[in-house]
Amino acid sequence: MQYKYLISRTVDPILAISIGTAAYYVHEYRHGRPQGHTLNELVTRWYNERNDGEMKN
């Protein structure tokens, strides 16, 4: 019998995104990123720009 999912249909994508994000954080920590280009800063900038656009409409 071959299984379609590792854990479940819902948890597999969440697990994949979590592992991918953690791997990127480890990569940033080991190799360093220029100021203003870390994942936290990029996500914060994207979120702020998106919310500012919604406020104006």
C-alpha atoms as a PDB file:
ATOM      1  CA  MET A   1       0.000   0.000   0.000  1.00  0.00           C
ATOM      2  CA  GLN A   2       1.363   3.387  -1.001  1.00  0.00           C
ATOM      3  CA  TYR A   3       0.507   6.441   1.104  1.00  0.00           C
ATOM      4  CA  LYS A   4      -0.307   9.797  -0.478  1.00  0.00           C
ATOM      5  CA  TYR A   5       0.704  11.932   2.499  1.00  0.00           C
ATOM      6  CA  LEU A   6       3.459  11.888   5.125  1.00  0.00           C
ATOM      7  CA  ILE A   7       1.217  12.944   7.994  1.00  0.00           C
ATOM      8  CA  SER A   8      -2.048  14.296   6.632  1.00  0.00           C
ATOM      9  CA  ARG A   9      -3.387  16.355   3.787  1.00  0.00           C
ATOM     10  CA  THR A  10      -3.524  19.496   5.935  1.00  0.00           C
ATOM     11  CA  VAL A  11      -0.349  19.140   7.978  1.00  0.00           C
ATOM     12  CA  ASP A  12       2.022  18.246   5.103  1.00  0.00           C
ATOM     13  CA  PRO A  13       1.982  21.742   3.486  1.00  0.00           C
ATOM     14  CA  ILE A  14       2.317  23.423   6.889  1.00  0.00           C
ATOM     15  CA  LEU A  15       5.263  21.164   7.713  1.00  0.00           C
ATOM     16  CA  ALA A  16       6.895  21.910   4.341  1.00  0.00           C
ATOM     17  CA  ILE A  17       6.563  25.685   4.760  1.00  0.00           C
ATOM     18  CA  SER A  18       7.894  25.485   8.329  1.00  0.00           C
ATOM     19  CA  ILE A  19      10.919  23.418   7.324  1.00  0.00           C
ATOM     20  CA  GLY A  20      11.638  25.676   4.349  1.00  0.00           C
ATOM     21  CA  THR A  21      11.438  28.823   6.451  1.00  0.00           C
ATOM     22  CA  ALA A  22      13.663  27.328   9.154  1.00  0.00           C
ATOM     23  CA  ALA A  23      16.201  26.259   6.524  1.00  0.00           C
ATOM     24  CA  TYR A  24      16.297  29.787   5.103  1.00  0.00           C
ATOM     25  CA  TYR A  25      16.816  31.282   8.577  1.00  0.00           C
ATOM     26  CA  VAL A  26      19.763  28.908   9.120  1.00  0.00           C
ATOM     27  CA  HIS A  27      21.169  29.908   5.719  1.00  0.00           C
ATOM     28  CA  GLU A  28      20.851  33.617   6.580  1.00  0.00           C
ATOM     29  CA  TYR A  29      22.490  33.056   9.955  1.00  0.00           C
ATOM     30  CA  ARG A  30      25.447  31.178   8.482  1.00  0.00           C
ATOM     31  CA  HIS A  31      26.095  33.380   5.455  1.00  0.00           C
ATOM     32  CA  GLY A  32      24.765  36.745   6.572  1.00  0.00           C
ATOM     33  CA  ARG A  33      22.653  39.129   4.545  1.00  0.00           C
ATOM     34  CA  PRO A  34      23.055  42.848   3.843  1.00  0.00           C
ATOM     35  CA  GLN A  35      21.189  45.219   6.131  1.00  0.00           C
ATOM     36  CA  GLY A  36      17.588  45.547   4.993  1.00  0.00           C
ATOM     37  CA  HIS A  37      17.559  42.240   3.108  1.00  0.00           C
ATOM     38  CA  THR A  38      16.896  39.685   5.820  1.00  0.00           C
ATOM     39  CA  LEU A  39      13.735  37.623   5.612  1.00  0.00           C
ATOM     40  CA  ASN A  40      12.149  39.422   8.573  1.00  0.00           C
ATOM     41  CA  GLU A  41      12.801  42.846   7.056  1.00  0.00           C
ATOM     42  CA  LEU A  42      11.545  41.835   3.610  1.00  0.00           C
ATOM     43  CA  VAL A  43       8.339  40.313   5.005  1.00  0.00           C
ATOM     44  CA  THR A  44       7.776  43.353   7.238  1.00  0.00           C
ATOM     45  CA  ARG A  45       8.265  45.722   4.293  1.00  0.00           C
ATOM     46  CA  TRP A  46       5.886  43.684   2.113  1.00  0.00           C
ATOM     47  CA  TYR A  47       3.264  43.586   4.877  1.00  0.00           C
ATOM     48  CA  ASN A  48       3.515  47.340   5.526  1.00  0.00           C
ATOM     49  CA  GLU A  49       3.263  48.216   1.820  1.00  0.00           C
ATOM     50  CA  ARG A  50       0.273  45.932   1.423  1.00  0.00           C
ATOM     51  CA  ASN A  51      -1.533  47.417   4.430  1.00  0.00           C
ATOM     52  CA  ASP A  52      -0.730  51.002   3.397  1.00  0.00           C
ATOM     53  CA  GLY A  53      -2.298  50.308  -0.008  1.00  0.00           C
ATOM     54  CA  GLU A  54      -5.470  48.958   1.591  1.00  0.00           C
ATOM     55  CA  MET A  55      -5.732  51.959   3.897  1.00  0.00           C
ATOM     56  CA  LYS A  56      -5.640  54.409   0.953  1.00  0.00           C
ATOM     57  CA  ASN A  57      -8.455  52.646  -0.934  1.00  0.00           C
END
